[in-house]
C-alpha cells in the first residue's frame, strides 16, 4: 500500500510517501505557485517518481489555508446559520484551554453580528 501526504505551504509544497510493500519512504519538495496551487503537487509527484495511479491513499494538508485564517489575510466572508446554531461556531473557534480556564483570553476568529435580528 502506498500512502502519500502532501502539504501546500506558503513557500513550499512538500510530499512524503511510504510504500508498505517496499518498506521505503519517498519525499519531494517544490516551490508553491500561489496562482496555481496544484502545480506544486504535480511537481512533487514528478520529483518523487511516483505515478498518481500508484497512490492508494492521499492525505492533503493546506498550511497556506490555515495561515490565511490565523493571519486574517483572507477575503471578508459571512456565515448565515439558523437560529440556535450560531453559538456553535463561536464556541468551536475557542481554544480548548480558554474554554476551561478563566485566566486565558483569546481573540475569536468569528464574531456574532448584531446588525441583523434573528428570525422568529
Protein backbone atom coordinates (compact mmCIF):
# COMPACT_ATOMS: atom_id res chain seq x y z
CA UNK A 1 0.00 0.00 0.00
CA UNK A 2 1.37 3.42 -0.99
CA UNK A 3 0.30 6.26 1.30
CA UNK A 4 1.23 9.81 0.27
CA UNK A 5 0.83 13.02 2.26
CA UNK A 6 1.10 16.41 0.58
CA UNK A 7 1.12 19.80 2.30
CA UNK A 8 0.77 23.04 0.37
CA UNK A 9 2.55 25.80 2.26
CA UNK A 10 3.12 29.46 1.54
CA UNK A 11 6.62 28.89 0.15
CA UNK A 12 6.99 25.16 -0.46
CA UNK A 13 4.80 22.18 -1.23
CA UNK A 14 6.01 19.02 0.50
CA UNK A 15 5.37 15.36 -0.26
CA UNK A 16 6.15 12.37 1.90
CA UNK A 17 5.13 8.86 0.97
CA UNK A 18 5.51 5.39 2.41
CA UNK A 19 5.37 2.26 0.30
CA UNK A 20 4.35 -0.55 2.63
CA UNK A 21 5.31 -3.29 0.15
CA UNK A 22 8.87 -2.00 -0.37
CA UNK A 23 9.19 -0.60 3.19
CA UNK A 24 10.63 2.67 1.84
CA UNK A 25 9.93 6.37 2.15
CA UNK A 26 9.72 8.81 -0.74
CA UNK A 27 9.92 12.58 -0.37
CA UNK A 28 9.92 15.66 -2.55
CA UNK A 29 9.74 19.43 -2.21
CA UNK A 30 8.79 22.07 -4.74
CA UNK A 31 8.00 25.75 -4.78
CA UNK A 32 4.38 26.68 -4.17
CA UNK A 33 2.79 28.62 -7.02
CA UNK A 34 0.09 30.79 -5.38
CA UNK A 35 -1.84 31.31 -8.62
CA UNK A 36 -1.87 27.55 -9.32
CA UNK A 37 -1.59 25.63 -6.06
CA UNK A 38 -1.95 22.28 -7.82
CA UNK A 39 1.27 22.87 -9.74
CA UNK A 40 3.37 22.29 -6.64
CA UNK A 41 1.57 18.98 -6.07
CA UNK A 42 2.22 17.90 -9.66
CA UNK A 43 5.87 18.94 -9.37
CA UNK A 44 6.30 16.93 -6.16
CA UNK A 45 4.76 13.83 -7.70
CA UNK A 46 7.12 14.12 -10.67
CA UNK A 47 10.17 14.68 -8.46
CA UNK A 48 9.30 11.67 -6.31
CA UNK A 49 9.00 9.45 -9.41
CA UNK A 50 5.57 8.29 -8.28
CA UNK A 51 2.58 7.89 -10.53
CA UNK A 52 -0.80 9.11 -9.36
CA UNK A 53 -2.32 5.72 -10.22
CA UNK A 54 0.06 4.00 -7.77
CA UNK A 55 -1.17 6.03 -4.78
CA UNK A 56 -3.57 4.05 -2.60
CA UNK A 57 -4.22 6.77 -0.04
CA UNK A 58 -3.67 10.52 -0.31
CA UNK A 59 -3.58 12.79 2.70
CA UNK A 60 -3.78 16.50 1.93
CA UNK A 61 -2.79 19.35 4.20
CA UNK A 62 -3.01 23.03 3.44
CA UNK A 63 -0.80 25.12 5.69
CA UNK A 64 -1.40 28.07 3.37
CA UNK A 65 -5.14 27.97 4.14
CA UNK A 66 -4.56 27.69 7.88
CA UNK A 67 -2.09 30.59 7.80
CA UNK A 68 -4.59 32.71 5.89
CA UNK A 69 -7.15 32.20 8.65
CA UNK A 70 -4.71 32.71 11.51
CA UNK A 71 -3.20 35.85 9.96
CA UNK A 72 -6.67 37.12 8.96
CA UNK A 73 -5.47 37.88 5.44
CA UNK A 74 -8.32 36.23 3.54
CA UNK A 75 -11.32 37.83 1.90
CA UNK A 76 -14.12 39.07 4.12
CA UNK A 77 -16.73 36.38 4.39
CA UNK A 78 -20.02 35.85 6.10
CA UNK A 79 -21.81 32.86 7.54
CA UNK A 80 -25.56 32.52 7.69
CA UNK A 81 -26.88 29.99 10.19
CA UNK A 82 -30.24 29.04 11.56
CA UNK A 83 -31.43 30.17 14.97
CA UNK A 84 -29.89 28.13 17.75
CA UNK A 85 -26.69 27.17 15.92
CA UNK A 86 -24.73 30.41 15.65
CA UNK A 87 -23.04 29.96 19.04
CA UNK A 88 -21.66 26.58 17.93
CA UNK A 89 -19.21 28.36 15.61
CA UNK A 90 -18.04 30.78 18.29
CA UNK A 91 -17.62 28.02 20.86
CA UNK A 92 -15.85 25.83 18.29
CA UNK A 93 -13.34 28.56 17.46
CA UNK A 94 -12.39 28.99 21.12
CA UNK A 95 -9.13 27.25 22.05
CA UNK A 96 -9.94 24.36 24.39
CA UNK A 97 -7.70 25.77 27.16
CA UNK A 98 -9.66 29.03 27.10
CA UNK A 99 -12.94 27.15 27.46
CA UNK A 100 -11.65 25.54 30.66
CA UNK A 101 -9.75 28.45 32.21
CA UNK A 102 -10.91 31.80 33.47
CA UNK A 103 -7.33 33.12 33.20
CA UNK A 104 -6.80 32.57 29.46
CA UNK A 105 -8.08 35.11 26.96
CA UNK A 106 -8.32 34.73 23.20
CA UNK A 107 -9.44 36.58 20.10
CA UNK A 108 -12.17 34.60 18.32
CA UNK A 109 -11.85 34.01 14.59
CA UNK A 110 -15.56 34.76 14.23
CA UNK A 111 -17.82 37.25 15.96
CA UNK A 112 -21.53 37.49 16.42
CA UNK A 113 -23.09 40.13 14.21
CA UNK A 114 -25.78 42.25 15.83
CA UNK A 115 -26.73 44.09 12.65
CA UNK A 116 -29.47 41.62 11.72
CA UNK A 117 -32.21 40.48 14.03
CA UNK A 118 -32.81 36.75 14.34
CA UNK A 119 -35.73 35.21 12.52
CA UNK A 120 -38.74 34.48 14.66
